[in-house]
Amino acid sequence: MNTLTVTAKGQITLRKDLLKHLGVQPGEKITVDKLPDGRIEVKAARPTGTISDVFDFLKKEDGPSLTIEEINEVTARGWAGKR
């Protein structure tokens, strides 16, 4: 079991080993659910949506289809949380 310290601002910092266990990288999000009897559950927030959302995002208005290089660039920006 890990013990964390609460700061004066009411914040805690998760250690690297805990973030690695969650599979979370810097800039990614986690979810926290309140459970009965004062407990919480911390999980990595996973992307939501459907595969058709991806294809709709890759469409170009009034132009040719995206090249594989353009698709790779869009994908990399998306995973990095950038648009």
PDB file of N, CA and C in Angstrom:
ATOM      1  N   MET A   1       0.848  -1.176   0.000  1.00  0.00           N
ATOM      2  CA  MET A   1       0.000   0.000   0.000  1.00  0.00           C
ATOM      3  C   MET A   1       0.892   1.236   0.000  1.00  0.00           C
ATOM      4  N   ASN A   2       0.490   2.248  -0.748  1.00  0.00           N
ATOM      5  CA  ASN A   2       1.221   3.513  -0.823  1.00  0.00           C
ATOM      6  C   ASN A   2       0.533   4.554   0.048  1.00  0.00           C
ATOM      7  N   THR A   3       1.320   5.409   0.667  1.00  0.00           N
ATOM      8  CA  THR A   3       0.787   6.522   1.442  1.00  0.00           C
ATOM      9  C   THR A   3       1.169   7.811   0.731  1.00  0.00           C
ATOM     10  N   LEU A   4       0.183   8.656   0.487  1.00  0.00           N
ATOM     11  CA  LEU A   4       0.402   9.929  -0.185  1.00  0.00           C
ATOM     12  C   LEU A   4       0.124  11.063   0.787  1.00  0.00           C
ATOM     13  N   THR A   5       0.747  12.206   0.563  1.00  0.00           N
ATOM     14  CA  THR A   5       0.567  13.374   1.416  1.00  0.00           C
ATOM     15  C   THR A   5      -0.342  14.374   0.722  1.00  0.00           C
ATOM     16  N   VAL A   6      -1.299  14.908   1.464  1.00  0.00           N
ATOM     17  CA  VAL A   6      -2.200  15.936   0.946  1.00  0.00           C
ATOM     18  C   VAL A   6      -1.568  17.302   1.213  1.00  0.00           C
ATOM     19  N   THR A   7      -1.475  18.132   0.146  1.00  0.00           N
ATOM     20  CA  THR A   7      -0.886  19.463   0.289  1.00  0.00           C
ATOM     21  C   THR A   7      -1.897  20.423   0.921  1.00  0.00           C
ATOM     22  N   ALA A   8      -1.443  21.626   1.227  1.00  0.00           N
ATOM     23  CA  ALA A   8      -2.324  22.657   1.792  1.00  0.00           C
ATOM     24  C   ALA A   8      -3.452  23.009   0.822  1.00  0.00           C
ATOM     25  N   LYS A   9      -3.227  22.800  -0.478  1.00  0.00           N
ATOM     26  CA  LYS A   9      -4.255  23.067  -1.488  1.00  0.00           C
ATOM     27  C   LYS A   9      -5.200  21.875  -1.682  1.00  0.00           C
ATOM     28  N   GLY A  10      -5.009  20.808  -0.922  1.00  0.00           N
ATOM     29  CA  GLY A  10      -5.866  19.629  -1.043  1.00  0.00           C
ATOM     30  C   GLY A  10      -5.493  18.733  -2.201  1.00  0.00           C
ATOM     31  N   GLN A  11      -4.256  18.804  -2.662  1.00  0.00           N
ATOM     32  CA  GLN A  11      -3.803  18.015  -3.795  1.00  0.00           C
ATOM     33  C   GLN A  11      -2.888  16.890  -3.349  1.00  0.00           C
ATOM     34  N   ILE A  12      -2.840  15.831  -4.182  1.00  0.00           N
ATOM     35  CA  ILE A  12      -1.888  14.742  -3.964  1.00  0.00           C
ATOM     36  C   ILE A  12      -1.126  14.522  -5.265  1.00  0.00           C
ATOM     37  N   THR A  13       0.031  13.932  -5.164  1.00  0.00           N
ATOM     38  CA  THR A  13       0.820  13.578  -6.337  1.00  0.00           C
ATOM     39  C   THR A  13       0.961  12.070  -6.361  1.00  0.00           C
ATOM     40  N   LEU A  14       0.615  11.472  -7.502  1.00  0.00           N
ATOM     41  CA  LEU A  14       0.788  10.027  -7.655  1.00  0.00           C
ATOM     42  C   LEU A  14       2.222   9.751  -8.089  1.00  0.00           C
ATOM     43  N   ARG A  15       2.845   8.805  -7.445  1.00  0.00           N
ATOM     44  CA  ARG A  15       4.220   8.447  -7.774  1.00  0.00           C
ATOM     45  C   ARG A  15       4.291   7.784  -9.150  1.00  0.00           C
ATOM     46  N   LYS A  16       5.492   7.825  -9.739  1.00  0.00           N
ATOM     47  CA  LYS A  16       5.696   7.266 -11.079  1.00  0.00           C
ATOM     48  C   LYS A  16       5.283   5.801 -11.161  1.00  0.00           C
ATOM     49  N   ASP A  17       5.564   5.017 -10.127  1.00  0.00           N
ATOM     50  CA  ASP A  17       5.212   3.596 -10.186  1.00  0.00           C
ATOM     51  C   ASP A  17       3.699   3.398 -10.236  1.00  0.00           C
ATOM     52  N   LEU A  18       2.938   4.279  -9.580  1.00  0.00           N
ATOM     53  CA  LEU A  18       1.475   4.189  -9.631  1.00  0.00           C
ATOM     54  C   LEU A  18       0.957   4.593 -11.006  1.00  0.00           C
ATOM     55  N   LEU A  19       1.537   5.639 -11.582  1.00  0.00           N
ATOM     56  CA  LEU A  19       1.133   6.070 -12.916  1.00  0.00           C
ATOM     57  C   LEU A  19       1.465   4.994 -13.950  1.00  0.00           C
ATOM     58  N   LYS A  20       2.616   4.364 -13.790  1.00  0.00           N
ATOM     59  CA  LYS A  20       2.997   3.274 -14.697  1.00  0.00           C
ATOM     60  C   LYS A  20       2.009   2.117 -14.567  1.00  0.00           C
ATOM     61  N   HIS A  21       1.617   1.798 -13.348  1.00  0.00           N
ATOM     62  CA  HIS A  21       0.642   0.728 -13.104  1.00  0.00           C
ATOM     63  C   HIS A  21      -0.694   1.035 -13.789  1.00  0.00           C
ATOM     64  N   LEU A  22      -1.090   2.320 -13.779  1.00  0.00           N
ATOM     65  CA  LEU A  22      -2.330   2.733 -14.434  1.00  0.00           C
ATOM     66  C   LEU A  22      -2.179   2.804 -15.951  1.00  0.00           C
ATOM     67  N   GLY A  23      -0.933   2.853 -16.431  1.00  0.00           N
ATOM     68  CA  GLY A  23      -0.691   3.012 -17.860  1.00  0.00           C
ATOM     69  C   GLY A  23      -0.910   4.436 -18.318  1.00  0.00           C
ATOM     70  N   VAL A  24      -0.652   5.403 -17.428  1.00  0.00           N
ATOM     71  CA  VAL A  24      -0.908   6.816 -17.705  1.00  0.00           C
ATOM     72  C   VAL A  24       0.411   7.530 -17.976  1.00  0.00           C
ATOM     73  N   GLN A  25       0.430   8.337 -19.039  1.00  0.00           N
ATOM     74  CA  GLN A  25       1.587   9.145 -19.428  1.00  0.00           C
ATOM     75  C   GLN A  25       1.295  10.611 -19.075  1.00  0.00           C
ATOM     76  N   PRO A  26       2.330  11.446 -18.988  1.00  0.00           N
ATOM     77  CA  PRO A  26       2.103  12.873 -18.732  1.00  0.00           C
ATOM     78  C   PRO A  26       1.128  13.464 -19.753  1.00  0.00           C
ATOM     79  N   GLY A  27       0.189  14.260 -19.271  1.00  0.00           N
ATOM     80  CA  GLY A  27      -0.803  14.893 -20.127  1.00  0.00           C
ATOM     81  C   GLY A  27      -2.076  14.091 -20.288  1.00  0.00           C
ATOM     82  N   GLU A  28      -2.057  12.806 -19.922  1.00  0.00           N
ATOM     83  CA  GLU A  28      -3.255  11.986 -20.004  1.00  0.00           C
ATOM     84  C   GLU A  28      -4.102  12.198 -18.757  1.00  0.00           C
ATOM     85  N   LYS A  29      -5.313  11.704 -18.796  1.00  0.00           N
ATOM     86  CA  LYS A  29      -6.256  11.930 -17.707  1.00  0.00           C
ATOM     87  C   LYS A  29      -6.546  10.643 -16.948  1.00  0.00           C
ATOM     88  N   ILE A  30      -6.958  10.827 -15.698  1.00  0.00           N
ATOM     89  CA  ILE A  30      -7.434   9.713 -14.878  1.00  0.00           C
ATOM     90  C   ILE A  30      -8.838  10.064 -14.397  1.00  0.00           C
ATOM     91  N   THR A  31      -9.589   9.037 -14.031  1.00  0.00           N
ATOM     92  CA  THR A  31     -10.905   9.258 -13.449  1.00  0.00           C
ATOM     93  C   THR A  31     -10.860   8.823 -11.992  1.00  0.00           C
ATOM     94  N   VAL A  32     -11.656   9.490 -11.174  1.00  0.00           N
ATOM     95  CA  VAL A  32     -11.759   9.152  -9.754  1.00  0.00           C
ATOM     96  C   VAL A  32     -13.242   9.006  -9.427  1.00  0.00           C
ATOM     97  N   ASP A  33     -13.619   7.831  -8.938  1.00  0.00           N
ATOM     98  CA  ASP A  33     -15.002   7.568  -8.547  1.00  0.00           C
ATOM     99  C   ASP A  33     -15.085   7.479  -7.033  1.00  0.00           C
ATOM    100  N   LYS A  34     -16.113   8.130  -6.469  1.00  0.00           N
ATOM    101  CA  LYS A  34     -16.354   8.034  -5.026  1.00  0.00           C
ATOM    102  C   LYS A  34     -17.119   6.752  -4.754  1.00  0.00           C
ATOM    103  N   LEU A  35     -16.603   5.955  -3.839  1.00  0.00           N
ATOM    104  CA  LEU A  35     -17.220   4.690  -3.454  1.00  0.00           C
ATOM    105  C   LEU A  35     -17.774   4.811  -2.035  1.00  0.00           C
ATOM    106  N   PRO A  36     -18.591   3.849  -1.634  1.00  0.00           N
ATOM    107  CA  PRO A  36     -19.134   3.897  -0.262  1.00  0.00           C
ATOM    108  C   PRO A  36     -18.019   3.873   0.790  1.00  0.00           C
ATOM    109  N   ASP A  37     -18.331   4.271   1.938  1.00  0.00           N
ATOM    110  CA  ASP A  37     -17.484   4.294   3.146  1.00  0.00           C
ATOM    111  C   ASP A  37     -16.172   5.075   2.968  1.00  0.00           C
ATOM    112  N   GLY A  38     -16.221   6.169   2.182  1.00  0.00           N
ATOM    113  CA  GLY A  38     -15.083   7.069   2.086  1.00  0.00           C
ATOM    114  C   GLY A  38     -13.948   6.614   1.189  1.00  0.00           C
ATOM    115  N   ARG A  39     -14.150   5.593   0.401  1.00  0.00           N
ATOM    116  CA  ARG A  39     -13.094   5.124  -0.496  1.00  0.00           C
ATOM    117  C   ARG A  39     -13.255   5.780  -1.869  1.00  0.00           C
ATOM    118  N   ILE A  40     -12.162   5.785  -2.630  1.00  0.00           N
ATOM    119  CA  ILE A  40     -12.212   6.244  -4.012  1.00  0.00           C
ATOM    120  C   ILE A  40     -11.566   5.178  -4.899  1.00  0.00           C
ATOM    121  N   GLU A  41     -11.905   5.219  -6.178  1.00  0.00           N
ATOM    122  CA  GLU A  41     -11.303   4.317  -7.163  1.00  0.00           C
ATOM    123  C   GLU A  41     -10.682   5.187  -8.252  1.00  0.00           C
ATOM    124  N   VAL A  42      -9.397   4.959  -8.524  1.00  0.00           N
ATOM    125  CA  VAL A  42      -8.664   5.738  -9.519  1.00  0.00           C
ATOM    126  C   VAL A  42      -8.391   4.828 -10.709  1.00  0.00           C
ATOM    127  N   LYS A  43      -8.755   5.306 -11.916  1.00  0.00           N
ATOM    128  CA  LYS A  43      -8.528   4.536 -13.140  1.00  0.00           C
ATOM    129  C   LYS A  43      -8.030   5.471 -14.235  1.00  0.00           C
ATOM    130  N   ALA A  44      -7.318   4.893 -15.198  1.00  0.00           N
ATOM    131  CA  ALA A  44      -6.926   5.661 -16.371  1.00  0.00           C
ATOM    132  C   ALA A  44      -8.180   5.954 -17.178  1.00  0.00           C
ATOM    133  N   ALA A  45      -8.312   7.201 -17.640  1.00  0.00           N
ATOM    134  CA  ALA A  45      -9.437   7.577 -18.495  1.00  0.00           C
ATOM    135  C   ALA A  45      -9.097   7.130 -19.908  1.00  0.00           C
ATOM    136  N   ARG A  46      -9.931   6.307 -20.473  1.00  0.00           N
ATOM    137  CA  ARG A  46      -9.701   5.801 -21.819  1.00  0.00           C
ATOM    138  C   ARG A  46     -10.502   6.617 -22.816  1.00  0.00           C
ATOM    139  N   PRO A  47      -9.951   6.804 -24.017  1.00  0.00           N
ATOM    140  CA  PRO A  47     -10.695   7.546 -25.037  1.00  0.00           C
ATOM    141  C   PRO A  47     -12.045   6.894 -25.314  1.00  0.00           C
ATOM    142  N   THR A  48     -13.040   7.720 -25.591  1.00  0.00           N
ATOM    143  CA  THR A  48     -14.358   7.206 -25.922  1.00  0.00           C
ATOM    144  C   THR A  48     -14.704   7.597 -27.344  1.00  0.00           C
ATOM    145  N   GLY A  49     -15.682   6.965 -27.889  1.00  0.00           N
ATOM    146  CA  GLY A  49     -16.112   7.268 -29.248  1.00  0.00           C
ATOM    147  C   GLY A  49     -16.216   5.994 -30.057  1.00  0.00           C
ATOM    148  N   THR A  50     -16.483   6.174 -31.325  1.00  0.00           N
ATOM    149  CA  THR A  50     -16.625   5.027 -32.218  1.00  0.00           C
ATOM    150  C   THR A  50     -15.611   5.140 -33.349  1.00  0.00           C
ATOM    151  N   ILE A  51     -15.424   4.049 -34.064  1.00  0.00           N
ATOM    152  CA  ILE A  51     -14.490   4.061 -35.178  1.00  0.00           C
ATOM    153  C   ILE A  51     -14.943   5.033 -36.262  1.00  0.00           C
ATOM    154  N   SER A  52     -16.254   5.204 -36.410  1.00  0.00           N
ATOM    155  CA  SER A  52     -16.740   6.146 -37.426  1.00  0.00           C
ATOM    156  C   SER A  52     -16.371   7.586 -37.064  1.00  0.00           C
ATOM    157  N   ASP A  53     -16.215   7.888 -35.774  1.00  0.00           N
ATOM    158  CA  ASP A  53     -15.754   9.214 -35.376  1.00  0.00           C
ATOM    159  C   ASP A  53     -14.370   9.495 -35.964  1.00  0.00           C
ATOM    160  N   VAL A  54     -13.528   8.478 -35.989  1.00  0.00           N
ATOM    161  CA  VAL A  54     -12.180   8.628 -36.536  1.00  0.00           C
ATOM    162  C   VAL A  54     -12.253   8.920 -38.027  1.00  0.00           C
ATOM    163  N   PHE A  55     -13.061   8.148 -38.745  1.00  0.00           N
ATOM    164  CA  PHE A  55     -13.147   8.347 -40.188  1.00  0.00           C
ATOM    165  C   PHE A  55     -13.753   9.707 -40.523  1.00  0.00           C
ATOM    166  N   ASP A  56     -14.734  10.140 -39.754  1.00  0.00           N
ATOM    167  CA  ASP A  56     -15.313  11.462 -39.975  1.00  0.00           C
ATOM    168  C   ASP A  56     -14.268  12.554 -39.744  1.00  0.00           C
ATOM    169  N   PHE A  57     -13.403  12.353 -38.746  1.00  0.00           N
ATOM    170  CA  PHE A  57     -12.370  13.330 -38.433  1.00  0.00           C
ATOM    171  C   PHE A  57     -11.340  13.425 -39.562  1.00  0.00           C
ATOM    172  N   LEU A  58     -11.093  12.313 -40.254  1.00  0.00           N
ATOM    173  CA  LEU A  58     -10.068  12.285 -41.291  1.00  0.00           C
ATOM    174  C   LEU A  58     -10.552  12.793 -42.647  1.00  0.00           C
ATOM    175  N   LYS A  59     -11.826  13.078 -42.774  1.00  0.00           N
ATOM    176  CA  LYS A  59     -12.355  13.555 -44.051  1.00  0.00           C
ATOM    177  C   LYS A  59     -11.845  14.966 -44.348  1.00  0.00           C
ATOM    178  N   LYS A  60     -11.548  15.199 -45.613  1.00  0.00           N
ATOM    179  CA  LYS A  60     -11.189  16.536 -46.073  1.00  0.00           C
ATOM    180  C   LYS A  60     -12.360  17.084 -46.859  1.00  0.00           C
ATOM    181  N   GLU A  61     -12.714  18.313 -46.595  1.00  0.00           N
ATOM    182  CA  GLU A  61     -13.795  18.966 -47.342  1.00  0.00           C
ATOM    183  C   GLU A  61     -13.267  19.371 -48.711  1.00  0.00           C
ATOM    184  N   ASP A  62     -13.973  19.017 -49.759  1.00  0.00           N
ATOM    185  CA  ASP A  62     -13.636  19.438 -51.127  1.00  0.00           C
ATOM    186  C   ASP A  62     -12.184  19.162 -51.503  1.00  0.00           C
ATOM    187  N   GLY A  63     -11.696  17.991 -51.184  1.00  0.00           N
ATOM    188  CA  GLY A  63     -10.322  17.683 -51.547  1.00  0.00           C
ATOM    189  C   GLY A  63     -10.091  16.191 -51.628  1.00  0.00           C
ATOM    190  N   PRO A  64      -8.869  15.808 -51.982  1.00  0.00           N
ATOM    191  CA  PRO A  64      -8.552  14.380 -52.089  1.00  0.00           C
ATOM    192  C   PRO A  64      -8.476  13.730 -50.710  1.00  0.00           C
ATOM    193  N   SER A  65      -8.475  12.409 -50.700  1.00  0.00           N
ATOM    194  CA  SER A  65      -8.326  11.671 -49.441  1.00  0.00           C
ATOM    195  C   SER A  65      -6.969  11.981 -48.823  1.00  0.00           C
ATOM    196  N   LEU A  66      -6.869  11.775 -47.525  1.00  0.00           N
ATOM    197  CA  LEU A  66      -5.599  12.002 -46.838  1.00  0.00           C
ATOM    198  C   LEU A  66      -4.578  10.944 -47.238  1.00  0.00           C
ATOM    199  N   THR A  67      -3.319  11.355 -47.283  1.00  0.00           N
ATOM    200  CA  THR A  67      -2.238  10.402 -47.507  1.00  0.00           C
ATOM    201  C   THR A  67      -1.955   9.675 -46.195  1.00  0.00           C
ATOM    202  N   ILE A  68      -1.227   8.581 -46.257  1.00  0.00           N
ATOM    203  CA  ILE A  68      -0.885   7.848 -45.030  1.00  0.00           C
ATOM    204  C   ILE A  68      -0.052   8.726 -44.096  1.00  0.00           C
ATOM    205  N   GLU A  69       0.791   9.589 -44.667  1.00  0.00           N
ATOM    206  CA  GLU A  69       1.596  10.495 -43.836  1.00  0.00           C
ATOM    207  C   GLU A  69       0.699  11.488 -43.098  1.00  0.00           C
ATOM    208  N   GLU A  70      -0.314  12.012 -43.800  1.00  0.00           N
ATOM    209  CA  GLU A  70      -1.237  12.943 -43.162  1.00  0.00           C
ATOM    210  C   GLU A  70      -2.056  12.245 -42.078  1.00  0.00           C
ATOM    211  N   ILE A  71      -2.457  11.012 -42.334  1.00  0.00           N
ATOM    212  CA  ILE A  71      -3.202  10.244 -41.328  1.00  0.00           C
ATOM    213  C   ILE A  71      -2.324  10.011 -40.099  1.00  0.00           C
ATOM    214  N   ASN A  72      -1.062   9.650 -40.309  1.00  0.00           N
ATOM    215  CA  ASN A  72      -0.144   9.432 -39.183  1.00  0.00           C
ATOM    216  C   ASN A  72       0.047  10.708 -38.368  1.00  0.00           C
ATOM    217  N   GLU A  73       0.139  11.857 -39.047  1.00  0.00           N
ATOM    218  CA  GLU A  73       0.306  13.128 -38.354  1.00  0.00           C
ATOM    219  C   GLU A  73      -0.935  13.467 -37.521  1.00  0.00           C
ATOM    220  N   VAL A  74      -2.113  13.289 -38.097  1.00  0.00           N
ATOM    221  CA  VAL A  74      -3.366  13.556 -37.386  1.00  0.00           C
ATOM    222  C   VAL A  74      -3.493  12.629 -36.176  1.00  0.00           C
ATOM    223  N   THR A  75      -3.142  11.375 -36.378  1.00  0.00           N
ATOM    224  CA  THR A  75      -3.215  10.398 -35.285  1.00  0.00           C
ATOM    225  C   THR A  75      -2.275  10.777 -34.151  1.00  0.00           C
ATOM    226  N   ALA A  76      -1.058  11.151 -34.478  1.00  0.00           N
ATOM    227  CA  ALA A  76      -0.086  11.540 -33.454  1.00  0.00           C
ATOM    228  C   ALA A  76      -0.565  12.755 -32.677  1.00  0.00           C
ATOM    229  N   ARG A  77      -1.121  13.748 -33.383  1.00  0.00           N
ATOM    230  CA  ARG A  77      -1.639  14.927 -32.694  1.00  0.00           C
ATOM    231  C   ARG A  77      -2.806  14.549 -31.783  1.00  0.00           C
ATOM    232  N   GLY A  78      -3.657  13.655 -32.258  1.00  0.00           N
ATOM    233  CA  GLY A  78      -4.818  13.237 -31.450  1.00  0.00           C
ATOM    234  C   GLY A  78      -4.403  12.546 -30.170  1.00  0.00           C
ATOM    235  N   TRP A  79      -3.431  11.639 -30.264  1.00  0.00           N
ATOM    236  CA  TRP A  79      -2.966  10.931 -29.070  1.00  0.00           C
ATOM    237  C   TRP A  79      -2.260  11.878 -28.114  1.00  0.00           C
ATOM    238  N   ALA A  80      -1.685  12.940 -28.647  1.00  0.00           N
ATOM    239  CA  ALA A  80      -1.002  13.931 -27.802  1.00  0.00           C
ATOM    240  C   ALA A  80      -1.980  14.948 -27.221  1.00  0.00           C
ATOM    241  N   GLY A  81      -3.259  14.804 -27.559  1.00  0.00           N
ATOM    242  CA  GLY A  81      -4.272  15.715 -27.031  1.00  0.00           C
ATOM    243  C   GLY A  81      -4.325  17.036 -27.766  1.00  0.00           C
ATOM    244  N   LYS A  82      -3.767  17.095 -28.957  1.00  0.00           N
ATOM    245  CA  LYS A  82      -3.759  18.322 -29.755  1.00  0.00           C
ATOM    246  C   LYS A  82      -4.687  18.136 -30.944  1.00  0.00           C
ATOM    247  N   ARG A  83      -5.194  19.225 -31.474  1.00  0.00           N
ATOM    248  CA  ARG A  83      -6.073  19.136 -32.659  1.00  0.00           C
ATOM    249  C   ARG A  83      -5.397  19.668 -33.876  1.00  0.00           C
TER     250      ARG A  83
END
